[in-house]
Each structure stands twice: as structure tokens, then as C-alpha cells.
Protein backbone atom coordinates (compact mmCIF):
# COMPACT_ATOMS: atom_id res chain seq x y z
CA MET A 1 -1.89 1.08 -7.09
CA ASN A 2 0.92 2.99 -7.96
CA SER A 3 0.42 6.69 -8.28
CA PHE A 4 2.17 7.77 -11.91
CA LEU A 5 3.28 11.38 -13.16
CA LYS A 6 1.35 11.66 -16.81
CA THR A 7 1.29 15.24 -17.65
CA VAL A 8 3.05 18.21 -15.91
CA SER A 9 2.67 21.86 -16.05
CA ALA A 10 4.14 24.98 -14.65
CA SER A 11 2.72 28.71 -14.29
CA LEU A 12 2.62 31.54 -12.16
CA ALA A 13 -0.75 32.49 -10.91
CA LEU A 14 -2.27 35.98 -10.28
CA ALA A 15 -2.59 36.75 -6.26
CA PHE A 16 -6.19 35.84 -5.02
CA GLY A 17 -7.66 37.66 -2.09
CA GLY A 18 -8.16 35.68 1.54
CA PHE A 19 -11.06 33.41 1.19
CA ALA A 20 -13.04 30.93 3.68
CA ALA A 21 -12.54 27.32 3.00
CA GLU A 22 -15.32 25.06 2.57
CA ALA A 23 -15.72 21.19 2.18
CA ALA A 24 -14.29 20.08 -0.99
CA THR A 25 -16.28 19.50 -4.02
CA ILE A 26 -15.39 16.38 -6.21
CA GLU A 27 -16.69 16.07 -9.93
CA ILE A 28 -16.40 12.64 -11.22
CA ALA A 29 -16.47 12.67 -15.16
CA SER A 30 -16.37 9.59 -16.87
CA ARG A 31 -14.55 8.78 -20.42
CA ASP A 32 -15.64 5.10 -20.74
CA PRO A 33 -17.60 4.43 -24.31
CA ALA A 34 -21.12 2.93 -24.57
CA GLY A 35 -21.45 -0.36 -22.90
CA VAL A 36 -18.12 -0.32 -21.19
CA GLY A 37 -17.25 0.67 -17.54
CA PHE A 38 -19.68 3.07 -16.09
CA ASN A 39 -21.70 2.14 -18.96
CA ASP A 40 -21.85 -1.56 -18.46
CA LEU A 41 -25.57 -2.46 -18.54
CA THR A 42 -25.07 -5.95 -17.11
CA PRO A 43 -27.91 -6.80 -14.74
CA VAL A 44 -26.80 -7.66 -11.01
CA ASP A 45 -28.44 -7.75 -8.04
CA PRO A 46 -28.13 -4.93 -5.13
CA VAL A 47 -24.91 -5.78 -2.84
CA GLY A 48 -23.56 -4.29 0.56
CA GLY A 49 -25.70 -1.09 0.65
CA ASN A 50 -24.74 -0.54 -3.31
CA PRO A 51 -28.45 -0.20 -4.73
CA GLY A 52 -27.41 -0.22 -8.07
CA THR A 53 -29.09 -3.08 -10.37
CA THR A 54 -26.05 -2.73 -13.46
CA VAL A 55 -22.58 -3.39 -13.07
CA GLY A 56 -22.22 0.34 -14.55
CA GLN A 57 -24.42 1.85 -11.86
CA GLN A 58 -22.68 0.07 -8.69
CA ARG A 59 -19.33 1.30 -10.38
CA ARG A 60 -20.58 4.47 -10.30
CA TYR A 61 -22.02 4.40 -6.59
CA VAL A 62 -19.13 3.30 -5.42
CA TYR A 63 -17.07 6.62 -6.85
CA ARG A 64 -19.51 8.56 -5.58
CA HIS A 65 -19.43 7.18 -2.36
CA VAL A 66 -15.75 7.32 -2.28
CA ALA A 67 -15.55 11.14 -3.39
CA ASP A 68 -18.35 11.87 -0.40
CA ILE A 69 -15.70 10.45 2.00
CA TRP A 70 -12.93 12.85 0.79
CA GLU A 71 -14.91 15.77 0.42
CA LYS A 72 -15.82 15.46 3.83
CA ALA A 73 -11.93 15.02 5.19
CA LEU A 74 -10.54 18.24 2.87
CA GLN A 75 -11.32 21.92 2.43
CA SER A 76 -10.99 23.58 -0.62
CA ASN A 77 -13.00 26.29 -2.45
CA VAL A 78 -11.98 24.90 -6.11
CA THR A 79 -13.73 21.94 -7.43
CA ILE A 80 -11.53 18.71 -7.57
CA LYS A 81 -12.36 17.24 -10.95
CA VAL A 82 -11.31 13.56 -11.82
CA SER A 83 -11.11 11.37 -14.65
CA ALA A 84 -12.79 8.01 -14.65
CA GLY A 85 -12.19 5.10 -16.53
CA TRP A 86 -12.41 1.42 -17.12
CA GLU A 87 -10.00 -0.28 -19.03
CA ALA A 88 -8.41 -3.72 -20.00
CA LEU A 89 -5.16 -3.50 -18.04
CA THR A 90 -2.46 -5.90 -17.58
CA CYS A 91 -3.39 -9.26 -15.99
CA THR A 92 -2.84 -13.52 -16.06
CA ALA A 93 -4.93 -15.84 -14.64
CA SER A 94 -2.90 -15.44 -11.36
CA SER A 95 -2.36 -11.66 -11.05
CA ALA A 96 -3.49 -8.37 -12.33
CA VAL A 97 -3.11 -4.78 -12.13
CA LEU A 98 -5.95 -3.55 -10.37
CA GLY A 99 -5.84 0.24 -11.39
CA SER A 100 -3.88 3.34 -10.72
CA ALA A 101 -4.66 7.05 -10.18
CA GLY A 102 -2.70 9.89 -10.35
CA VAL A 103 -1.82 13.61 -10.49
CA TRP A 104 -2.31 14.68 -13.82
CA ASN A 105 -1.06 18.14 -13.72
CA ILE A 106 1.68 19.73 -11.65
CA TRP A 107 2.44 23.77 -10.45
CA HIS A 108 5.26 25.66 -8.84
CA ASP A 109 5.25 29.39 -7.89
CA PHE A 110 1.68 30.43 -7.47
CA ALA A 111 0.33 32.38 -5.14
CA GLY A 112 0.19 30.98 -1.74
CA SER A 113 3.22 28.31 -2.78
CA VAL A 114 6.31 27.79 -1.30
CA PRO A 115 8.75 29.42 -4.20
CA GLY A 116 10.51 27.07 -6.38
CA THR A 117 8.31 23.97 -5.41
CA TRP A 118 6.10 21.47 -7.08
CA TYR A 119 2.68 20.62 -6.04
CA PRO A 120 0.03 18.61 -7.34
CA GLN A 121 -3.08 20.40 -9.25
CA ALA A 122 -5.60 19.78 -6.82
CA LEU A 123 -3.59 21.22 -3.58
CA ALA A 124 -2.12 23.94 -6.02
CA ASN A 125 -5.89 25.03 -6.62
CA LYS A 126 -6.99 24.97 -2.93
CA LEU A 127 -3.94 26.86 -1.85
CA SER A 128 -4.41 29.62 -4.54
CA GLY A 129 -7.79 29.76 -4.65
CA VAL A 130 -8.38 29.66 -8.34
CA ASN A 131 -8.39 26.80 -10.82
CA LEU A 132 -4.86 27.28 -12.30
CA SER A 133 -5.82 25.20 -15.69
CA ASP A 134 -8.83 27.15 -16.61
CA GLY A 135 -7.61 28.55 -19.94
CA THR A 136 -5.04 25.97 -20.81
CA LEU A 137 -5.46 24.30 -23.52
CA ASP A 138 -6.32 20.47 -23.59
CA ASP A 139 -3.91 17.93 -24.68
CA GLY A 140 -5.53 16.33 -26.80
CA SER A 141 -6.77 13.46 -24.51
CA GLY A 142 -9.79 14.76 -23.37
CA TYR A 143 -8.54 15.23 -19.95
CA GLY A 144 -5.97 17.14 -20.17
CA ASN A 145 -6.98 19.81 -17.58
CA VAL A 146 -8.17 17.42 -14.80
CA ASP A 147 -6.55 17.04 -11.17
CA ILE A 148 -6.44 13.26 -11.29
CA LYS A 149 -6.73 10.85 -13.83
CA THR A 150 -7.97 7.08 -12.53
CA GLN A 151 -8.16 4.15 -14.32
CA PHE A 152 -9.54 0.61 -12.89
CA ASN A 153 -9.30 -2.81 -14.57
CA VAL A 154 -12.42 -3.90 -16.40
CA ASN A 155 -11.61 -7.62 -16.88
CA LEU A 156 -10.65 -8.19 -12.99
CA GLY A 157 -12.37 -11.87 -12.07
CA LYS A 158 -12.76 -12.60 -15.37
CA PRO A 159 -11.10 -16.06 -17.17
CA GLY A 160 -7.49 -15.15 -17.76
CA CYS A 161 -7.50 -11.86 -15.21
CA LEU A 162 -6.96 -13.15 -11.61
CA ASP A 163 -9.61 -15.46 -12.19
CA GLY A 164 -12.49 -15.39 -9.95
CA THR A 165 -11.04 -12.69 -7.80
CA GLY A 166 -12.98 -9.40 -8.77
CA PHE A 167 -13.91 -6.19 -7.28
CA TYR A 168 -16.82 -6.03 -4.34
CA LEU A 169 -18.92 -3.31 -5.30
CA GLY A 170 -20.68 -3.34 -1.60
CA VAL A 171 -19.77 -0.29 0.56
CA ASP A 172 -20.38 -2.21 3.84
CA GLY A 173 -16.54 -3.83 4.17
CA LYS A 174 -17.56 -7.22 3.38
CA ALA A 175 -15.39 -8.12 0.96
CA GLY A 176 -14.34 -11.41 1.88
CA ALA A 177 -11.91 -13.02 -0.94
CA SER A 178 -12.64 -10.25 -3.17
CA VAL A 179 -10.82 -7.08 -4.04
CA ASN A 180 -12.59 -4.00 -1.82
CA PHE A 181 -12.98 -1.34 -4.44
CA VAL A 182 -14.15 1.09 -1.78
CA GLU A 183 -10.85 1.02 -0.03
CA THR A 184 -8.88 0.38 -3.47
CA LEU A 185 -10.42 3.81 -4.60
CA LEU A 186 -10.31 5.41 -1.34
CA HIS A 187 -6.36 4.78 -1.54
CA GLU A 188 -6.00 5.82 -5.06
CA LEU A 189 -7.69 9.21 -5.22
CA GLY A 190 -4.91 9.88 -2.07
CA HIS A 191 -2.43 9.64 -4.52
CA GLY A 192 -4.18 12.23 -6.62
CA LEU A 193 -4.74 14.49 -3.96
CA GLY A 194 -0.89 14.41 -3.30
CA PHE A 195 0.03 11.62 -1.12
CA SER A 196 3.21 10.80 -3.35
CA VAL A 197 6.54 12.35 -3.71
CA LEU A 198 5.66 13.06 -6.88
CA THR A 199 8.06 15.03 -8.72
CA VAL A 200 11.56 12.88 -7.78
CA GLN A 201 12.63 9.70 -9.91
CA THR A 202 13.55 7.53 -7.09
CA SER A 203 15.93 5.09 -9.05
CA THR A 204 17.85 8.25 -9.93
CA GLY A 205 17.25 10.99 -7.41
CA PHE A 206 16.54 13.54 -10.19
CA ARG A 207 13.88 16.20 -10.41
CA VAL A 208 11.63 17.41 -12.89
CA LEU A 209 12.70 20.78 -14.53
CA PRO A 210 10.71 23.74 -14.04
CA ASP A 211 9.06 23.59 -17.27
CA GLY A 212 7.94 20.25 -16.62
CA SER A 213 9.90 18.66 -19.66
CA ASP A 214 11.61 15.53 -17.96
CA TYR A 215 13.60 14.60 -14.97
CA ALA A 216 17.51 15.79 -14.84
CA ALA A 217 20.47 15.57 -12.81
CA ALA A 218 20.26 19.63 -12.11
CA GLY A 219 18.18 22.33 -12.20
CA GLY A 220 15.07 20.64 -11.38
CA LEU A 221 12.81 21.60 -8.74
CA PRO A 222 11.93 20.18 -5.36
CA SER A 223 8.43 18.59 -4.18
CA ILE A 224 6.49 20.00 -1.32
CA TRP A 225 7.04 16.32 -0.12
CA GLU A 226 10.80 16.54 0.43
CA GLY A 227 10.96 18.84 3.35
CA PHE A 228 8.89 16.22 5.30
CA MET A 229 11.10 13.23 4.46
CA TYR A 230 14.22 12.90 6.88
CA ASP A 231 16.83 9.84 6.50
CA ASN A 232 17.85 8.80 9.92
CA THR A 233 20.89 6.89 8.41
CA ILE A 234 22.16 10.59 7.01
CA GLY A 235 20.64 13.26 9.31
CA LYS A 236 19.04 15.17 6.28
CA THR A 237 15.67 15.78 4.57
CA TRP A 238 15.24 15.02 0.66
CA LEU A 239 15.49 18.87 0.23
CA ALA A 240 19.26 18.95 1.53
CA MET A 241 20.03 15.65 -0.46
CA ASN A 242 21.71 15.73 -3.58
CA ASN A 243 20.71 13.10 -6.34
CA ALA A 244 22.56 9.95 -5.10
CA GLU A 245 21.72 10.53 -1.21
CA ARG A 246 17.73 10.74 -2.35
CA LYS A 247 18.67 7.75 -4.46
CA ALA A 248 20.24 5.48 -1.61
CA SER A 249 17.60 6.92 0.84
CA SER A 250 14.60 5.24 -1.50
CA ILE A 251 16.34 1.90 -0.76
CA ASN A 252 17.28 2.42 3.08
CA PRO A 253 14.64 0.12 4.77
CA LEU A 254 12.95 1.51 8.13
CA GLN A 255 15.27 4.68 8.14
CA LEU A 256 13.00 7.36 5.64
CA ALA A 257 10.48 9.37 8.38
CA TRP A 258 7.77 11.50 7.81
CA ILE A 259 8.49 14.37 10.31
CA GLY A 260 5.62 16.72 9.14
CA PRO A 261 4.01 18.11 12.19
CA ASN A 262 0.30 16.75 11.75
CA GLY A 263 1.85 13.39 10.49
CA THR A 264 3.95 12.81 13.95
CA SER A 265 1.37 13.86 16.39
CA GLY A 266 -0.91 11.45 14.60
CA ALA A 267 1.28 8.58 14.88
CA THR A 268 0.99 8.52 18.38
CA GLN A 269 -2.64 8.30 18.53
CA VAL A 270 -2.75 5.72 15.58
CA LEU A 271 0.10 3.39 15.77
CA SER A 272 0.68 0.68 18.33
CA ALA A 273 3.00 -1.90 19.91
CA VAL A 274 5.06 -4.06 17.35
CA PRO A 275 2.93 -7.32 16.29
CA THR A 276 5.92 -9.99 16.83
CA ILE A 277 5.98 -13.75 16.57
CA LYS A 278 7.44 -14.90 19.82
CA ILE A 279 9.65 -18.00 19.56
CA VAL A 280 10.06 -20.61 22.28
CA THR A 281 12.86 -23.45 22.20
CA SER A 282 15.85 -24.64 23.73
CA VAL A 283 18.01 -24.15 20.16
CA PRO A 284 20.63 -21.32 21.48
CA GLY A 285 20.40 -18.10 20.29
CA VAL A 286 16.87 -18.33 18.37
CA ALA A 287 14.08 -17.83 21.21
CA GLY A 288 12.82 -14.30 20.94
CA LEU A 289 10.40 -11.95 19.33
CA TYR A 290 10.69 -12.11 15.34
CA ASP A 291 8.76 -9.01 13.27
CA TYR A 292 6.22 -10.58 10.65
CA GLY A 293 4.10 -9.55 7.53
CA THR A 294 0.71 -10.35 7.30
CA ALA A 295 -1.29 -11.83 4.51
CA SER A 296 -4.21 -10.18 2.91
CA PHE A 297 -5.80 -14.13 2.45
CA GLY A 298 -6.86 -16.52 4.90
CA PRO A 299 -8.25 -15.44 8.22
CA PRO A 300 -6.74 -12.84 10.22
CA VAL A 301 -3.98 -13.16 12.59
CA ALA A 302 -4.79 -13.08 16.49
CA PRO A 303 -2.83 -10.37 18.31
CA SER A 304 -2.12 -12.93 20.53
CA GLY A 305 -2.47 -16.55 21.22
CA PRO A 306 -0.42 -19.46 19.99
CA PHE A 307 0.23 -19.99 16.14
CA GLY A 308 2.08 -23.67 16.49
CA THR A 309 5.15 -25.80 15.93
CA LEU A 310 7.31 -24.66 13.36
CA ALA A 311 7.95 -27.73 10.80
CA VAL A 312 10.15 -27.75 7.56
CA ALA A 313 9.26 -30.25 4.66
CA SER A 314 12.68 -30.34 3.43
CA THR A 315 11.47 -32.08 -0.10
CA ASN A 316 9.10 -29.16 -0.92
CA LEU A 317 10.64 -26.25 0.32
CA ASN A 318 8.96 -23.51 -1.91
CA GLY A 319 5.26 -25.22 -1.87
CA CYS A 320 4.95 -24.63 -5.24
CA ALA A 321 3.99 -28.26 -6.11
CA ALA A 322 1.84 -30.61 -4.11
CA PHE A 323 3.40 -31.99 -1.15
CA ASP A 324 3.84 -35.62 -1.11
CA ALA A 325 3.25 -38.07 1.82
CA ALA A 326 6.47 -37.73 3.48
CA ALA A 327 6.41 -33.68 3.21
CA SER A 328 2.81 -34.01 4.48
CA ALA A 329 3.73 -35.84 7.42
CA ALA A 330 6.57 -33.49 8.21
CA ILE A 331 4.12 -30.61 8.15
CA ALA A 332 0.85 -31.68 9.05
CA GLY A 333 -0.99 -29.98 12.52
CA LYS A 334 2.21 -27.72 12.31
CA VAL A 335 3.18 -24.67 11.07
CA ALA A 336 5.16 -25.03 7.70
CA ILE A 337 8.17 -22.62 6.67
CA ILE A 338 7.87 -22.44 3.03
CA ASP A 339 10.44 -19.85 1.01
CA ARG A 340 8.99 -17.21 -1.07
CA GLY A 341 9.51 -17.36 -5.01
CA SER A 342 8.83 -19.46 -8.08
CA CYS A 343 4.97 -19.46 -7.30
CA SER A 344 1.85 -17.12 -5.94
CA PHE A 345 1.64 -17.19 -2.16
CA VAL A 346 -1.56 -18.77 -2.39
CA ILE A 347 -0.67 -21.57 -4.21
CA LYS A 348 1.91 -22.35 -1.90
CA VAL A 349 -0.35 -21.72 1.18
CA LYS A 350 -3.19 -23.97 -0.39
CA ASN A 351 -0.59 -26.50 -1.26
CA ALA A 352 0.36 -27.04 2.61
CA GLN A 353 -3.31 -26.71 3.61
CA ASP A 354 -4.00 -29.80 1.65
CA ALA A 355 -1.21 -31.47 3.13
CA GLY A 356 -2.27 -30.75 6.61
CA ALA A 357 -0.55 -27.79 7.96
CA ALA A 358 -2.13 -25.61 10.85
CA GLY A 359 -0.36 -22.68 9.30
CA VAL A 360 2.49 -21.26 6.90
CA VAL A 361 5.42 -18.82 7.33
CA ILE A 362 6.77 -17.82 4.38
CA ALA A 363 10.33 -16.89 4.41
CA ASN A 364 11.57 -13.66 2.32
CA ASN A 365 14.22 -14.53 -0.39
CA ALA A 366 15.82 -11.02 -0.48
CA ALA A 367 16.97 -8.83 2.16
CA GLY A 368 14.53 -6.54 3.84
CA SER A 369 11.31 -6.49 5.87
CA PRO A 370 8.99 -9.08 5.91
CA PRO A 371 6.82 -8.65 2.98
CA THR A 372 3.26 -8.44 2.76
CA LEU A 373 1.46 -11.48 1.12
CA GLY A 374 -0.91 -10.39 -1.45
CA GLY A 375 -3.36 -12.55 -3.49
CA GLY A 376 -6.35 -14.22 -2.58
CA ASP A 377 -8.07 -17.59 -2.62
CA PRO A 378 -11.59 -18.23 -0.35
CA ALA A 379 -10.41 -21.92 0.21
CA ILE A 380 -7.75 -20.53 2.30
CA ALA A 381 -8.41 -20.88 6.09
CA ILE A 382 -5.32 -21.61 7.84
CA PRO A 383 -3.12 -18.29 9.23
CA THR A 384 -0.14 -17.10 7.22
CA VAL A 385 2.56 -14.57 7.82
CA SER A 386 6.04 -13.52 6.34
CA VAL A 387 9.52 -13.26 8.04
CA SER A 388 12.56 -11.66 6.63
CA GLN A 389 15.20 -13.69 4.92
CA ALA A 390 17.47 -13.62 7.64
CA ASN A 391 15.05 -15.00 10.33
CA GLY A 392 13.55 -17.51 8.01
CA LEU A 393 16.86 -19.07 7.45
CA MET A 394 17.26 -18.81 11.42
CA LEU A 395 14.06 -20.68 12.05
CA ARG A 396 14.70 -23.28 9.56
CA ALA A 397 18.12 -24.13 10.90
CA ALA A 398 16.43 -24.21 14.20
CA VAL A 399 13.69 -26.62 13.37
CA ALA A 400 16.76 -29.08 12.10
CA ALA A 401 18.22 -28.47 15.20
CA ALA A 402 15.88 -28.77 17.78
CA PRO A 403 15.42 -32.42 18.66
CA LYS A 404 18.76 -32.92 20.09
CA TYR A 405 17.95 -29.87 22.67
CA GLY A 406 15.28 -32.06 23.95
CA THR A 407 14.83 -34.72 26.82
CA ARG A 408 15.20 -38.24 26.11
CA SER A 409 11.53 -38.65 26.12
CA ARG A 410 10.49 -35.76 24.10
CA PRO A 411 12.49 -34.32 21.34
CA GLY A 412 12.97 -30.39 21.17
CA THR A 413 11.06 -28.12 19.40
CA VAL A 414 10.50 -24.84 17.94
CA VAL A 415 7.10 -23.31 18.87
CA ALA A 416 5.56 -20.07 17.65
CA LEU A 417 2.91 -17.47 19.37
CA PHE A 418 1.81 -14.23 18.40
CA GLY A 419 2.04 -11.25 20.83
CA LEU A 420 3.31 -7.51 20.98
CA ASP A 421 6.69 -5.92 21.73
CA ALA A 422 5.71 -2.66 23.56
CA THR A 423 8.96 -1.27 23.52
CA ARG A 424 8.51 -0.30 19.94
CA ILE A 425 6.11 1.47 17.88
CA ALA A 426 4.77 -0.37 14.66
CA GLY A 427 5.52 1.58 11.57
CA ALA A 428 7.59 4.23 13.27
CA ASP A 429 11.22 5.40 13.98
CA SER A 430 12.82 5.41 17.27
CA THR A 431 11.42 8.77 18.33
CA GLY A 432 7.75 7.41 17.04
CA ARG A 433 7.93 9.45 13.39
CA PRO A 434 6.20 7.38 10.91
CA LEU A 435 8.16 5.46 8.35
CA LEU A 436 7.76 5.72 4.37
CA TYR A 437 8.00 2.44 2.31
CA THR A 438 11.41 1.97 1.30
CA PRO A 439 12.19 -1.67 0.18
CA ALA A 440 15.74 -2.80 -0.58
CA THR A 441 14.93 -3.12 -3.82
CA LEU A 442 13.46 -0.40 -5.40
CA ALA A 443 9.69 -0.77 -6.07
CA PRO A 444 9.00 1.67 -8.91
CA GLY A 445 5.82 3.81 -8.11
CA MET A 446 5.73 2.11 -4.58
CA SER A 447 8.64 3.26 -2.68
CA VAL A 448 8.32 6.18 -0.68
CA SER A 449 5.09 7.27 -1.82
CA HIS A 450 3.18 5.14 0.75
CA TRP A 451 3.52 4.33 4.60
CA ASP A 452 5.60 1.35 5.54
CA VAL A 453 4.19 -2.25 5.53
CA THR A 454 5.40 -2.59 9.43
CA ALA A 455 2.74 -0.09 10.19
CA PHE A 456 0.10 -1.64 12.67
CA PRO A 457 -2.73 -1.56 12.63
CA ASN A 458 -2.47 -1.37 8.76
CA LEU A 459 -2.63 1.82 7.16
CA LEU A 460 -4.60 2.52 4.04
CA MET A 461 -2.05 4.24 1.91
CA GLU A 462 0.43 1.25 2.42
CA PRO A 463 1.49 -0.53 -0.68
CA ALA A 464 -1.38 -3.03 -0.41
CA ILE A 465 -4.99 -2.99 0.62
CA ASN A 466 -5.37 -4.80 3.94
CA ALA A 467 -8.86 -6.49 5.50
CA ASP A 468 -9.05 -4.47 8.61
CA LEU A 469 -8.78 -0.94 6.59
CA THR A 470 -12.15 1.33 7.46
CA THR A 471 -13.09 4.46 5.71
CA THR A 472 -12.05 6.77 8.40
CA LEU A 473 -8.85 8.74 7.33
CA VAL A 474 -7.80 10.47 10.26
CA PRO A 475 -6.90 9.34 13.84
CA PRO A 476 -6.85 7.23 16.00
CA LEU A 477 -7.51 4.81 12.91
CA ASP A 478 -5.79 6.49 9.72
CA LEU A 479 -2.96 8.85 9.17
CA THR A 480 -3.75 9.64 5.46
CA VAL A 481 -5.48 13.47 6.31
CA PRO A 482 -2.61 14.37 8.94
CA LEU A 483 0.17 13.72 5.77
CA LEU A 484 -2.12 15.62 3.52
CA LYS A 485 -2.51 18.42 5.93
CA ASP A 486 1.26 18.94 6.31
CA LEU A 487 1.34 19.37 2.68
CA GLY A 488 -0.97 22.35 2.61
CA TRP A 489 -4.33 20.56 2.34
């Protein structure tokens, strides 16, 4: 679900007279060959409000459904052009690239722009009132003049490609263990409309040159995004930073805030208190509130109430193998603490569930915020959360130490409950400004160009598609449109 820069263009546009903004129009053009993607004639039954009776018809219906949602959310007098295709993307039996979408052309110094600043074509067209790529020769691809290029994995759910977990093509939100294509496409088109840092290489801090030819250490132009990105550690926006500072800011967890007026105002309506795990134990220095990340599989985590007694199976710390009798006895009826790494999250949790665990805590294996746990397995029926590496180590040590802090008749325990920390806003800095995703380890195409995973409730433009998303793009449910409005939409 990354947004990737494919082609860049720069141009001066003629001034365009004043005009009344209208609801946007989105035009979708298929580039699929006969029998593939949108042209797949495989018969299927209508599902979840989608009346299509072939796979291709249902895919087209979802695209149009999502385009209609975006049209109502935006204003532009220039048609937004989307090139859409279904292709064989990278995948294995247990993982897959779902797809991607992104800006295909970018512009600077057109009528209505901030001088010397890069914009995505759809927004540049809206601000100038003309289609800036009209009259530009196609690059030979057949989609060289479009605003947004999308591609999704045509093999998803087939053997060898995230086996059994395909796209859900209903529009009722009832995706279950499948990948909700409505939400996935809403997210990806958001990137194509400009929800992306776009012209900054986060691994270096370099910007794209005015001729669009490459990223460079000097002479590049800033993105319209950069004036709204404020790093609380050094007290600068990206506009005021040098390359090294932008590079460092990209991997500065929980410190890069969005300061646009629409985004910050919307955050006060959308974001809630921080969800936490409350730890109750007599082990010194351990009781308190711990942040957690959620999973895309299994039952939703309750906002409040009991989780369970924590346990560790010392002979199977990463949960990648089936738990033997002794390990099963250690975690049966309890919440197992399991290390991240070596196998997928769903394998770990399914093994723990089979051993009788009532829940799972995945401890991160690298510094930073608790990760969002991706994957899918409809057989998983126990709640799962993640914690940071530091907190995972602390909780595991507490479980080992707890028995001696009990009484003569009852060994001490470490008990977890779900609750909220009302002193903090989830996904925002101390002043309430929403945070961008900046994990300590750079995630190319993901870092900076998404909301942070600590947001609660979950937002559409986080790095993962979460089960509690809606198709509303504005407060009080989401912050996607407020950010786009800060850019000029």
C-alpha cells in the first residue's frame, strides 16, 4: 500500500481566470488485457451489495463505488484521470504485495501554486483550473498523462499468493478475514491525490530537481507537504531543514507532527484517549499503563475490561513451532508473551491458541512503537496485541519474578487489563497535533507518508488497513480530507 513516484514533469501553466469549484469527477481507465483483471469473466455470486456476476464486473463496481466516495469529498473543475490495472505482483504463500497507487505526474510554478514547490498533478490541475498535461506527449506507456496510476495483485488468495486470503469485493464492510478492497482502494487513491511527501527521498533527505530528472543533494524543490511537517525534536518544519535533518526526522518516532490548520483542528474531533494495557502486579516498578498495537486478525480488542494473566513459555519464545506439553501448560488459559520474528504473526498466534492460550502479546524485536500486526487467519479466535521491545522485556522479566511477590498460599502474578489513558491523545503530540508515521527503522514508501499507527481510532491513511475503518473521510471519523485540504484541495 505504498505510494511510489514513477514519472515527473515540470511546467509553467498560463493563468486561468476565476472559476466556481465543482464536485470532482474521477475517470477510471482500464489497461487490462482480455480475460484479465477488470475483464475476468469468471462467474461469481453477488456479494455484500456488489451486484456483479463476474470477477471483473465486481472489481469494476468497487472502483466506481470508491471513486464516487472520493468525488463527493473533493472539489475540482478538472477531471481526475486514473489508470487501473490488475497485475501479478510479488507474493508467497504467507505474504503478498496487495497493490499500490501513486502520483504519476508532478508540477511546479503553475498559476495558483506556491512558487518553487512540487504538487501532484490532480491537485495542480484543480488549483490552476486546467489539465496541465494536455498537449504533453505520452511517454509510451499509454498512461503517461494520467494523474494516478494504480495496480493490484491479480493473484491474491490463489495458491502461492497469500493462500486463501483474497480481496473482499463487497461494499458493506463485512470483509471478515479477507482483505477489504474498498478500504484498500480508498487508501491508495488517497496517496494518488497527494497524501504523500512525494518529492523527498526519505533515506537521504534529497529533493527532486526542477526538471524532474532525479533526487539531488542540492538544487531540488520542496513538496507542498513540507511546510506542514514539524519535528518537535529540533523545532523545524521540513522546509527549514537540511538533507541530514530531513533524513533524521523520517526515523524520529512520535516526533513528526502535521501542523496544517485543517488537520490539527480535525484531530481534536477524531482522536481519542490513548488505549493502554493496565498492568497489575506486586513486582516493583512494573505496574502501570503500557501502549499497545492492534492486529488485523482475530477478534477486536475491547476498549476496556480484562485481558488475562501474562505467561511465558520459556522453551518456545518466538512461537514459530507448535508448543510442546510443558510450554502448553505454561500458557494454557493465560495471555502468552511471544517474541516477534522468524515467522508470521498469525503462525505464532495460531500455535499459542492451539496450546490453549487465551490471548497473545507480541513483543517487538526492535526499538520503537508497538507495531501493527498484519496478516489474516479466520481460525484465530483469541485477542492479540503488540508491545514495544523494551516493554516486552520488562513484562517477561516480571512474569519470571512475580511468584516470589505473592503470599504463602498464592504466588504473585502479572495481570493485564484494557483501558484508556485520558491524559494523552492517541496519535498526537503533546499539543494535540496529529503525528506522521516515522518508525525508527525507515520503511521506504511508508515512512512520513502515513498517519502514525498510534492513532485511535484507526485512520484510513495509516500504514495498515484496519478492520474498524469506515468509508467516511472527514471528522469525526477520519482525517484524510482535512490533510488534503491543507495542501490546497
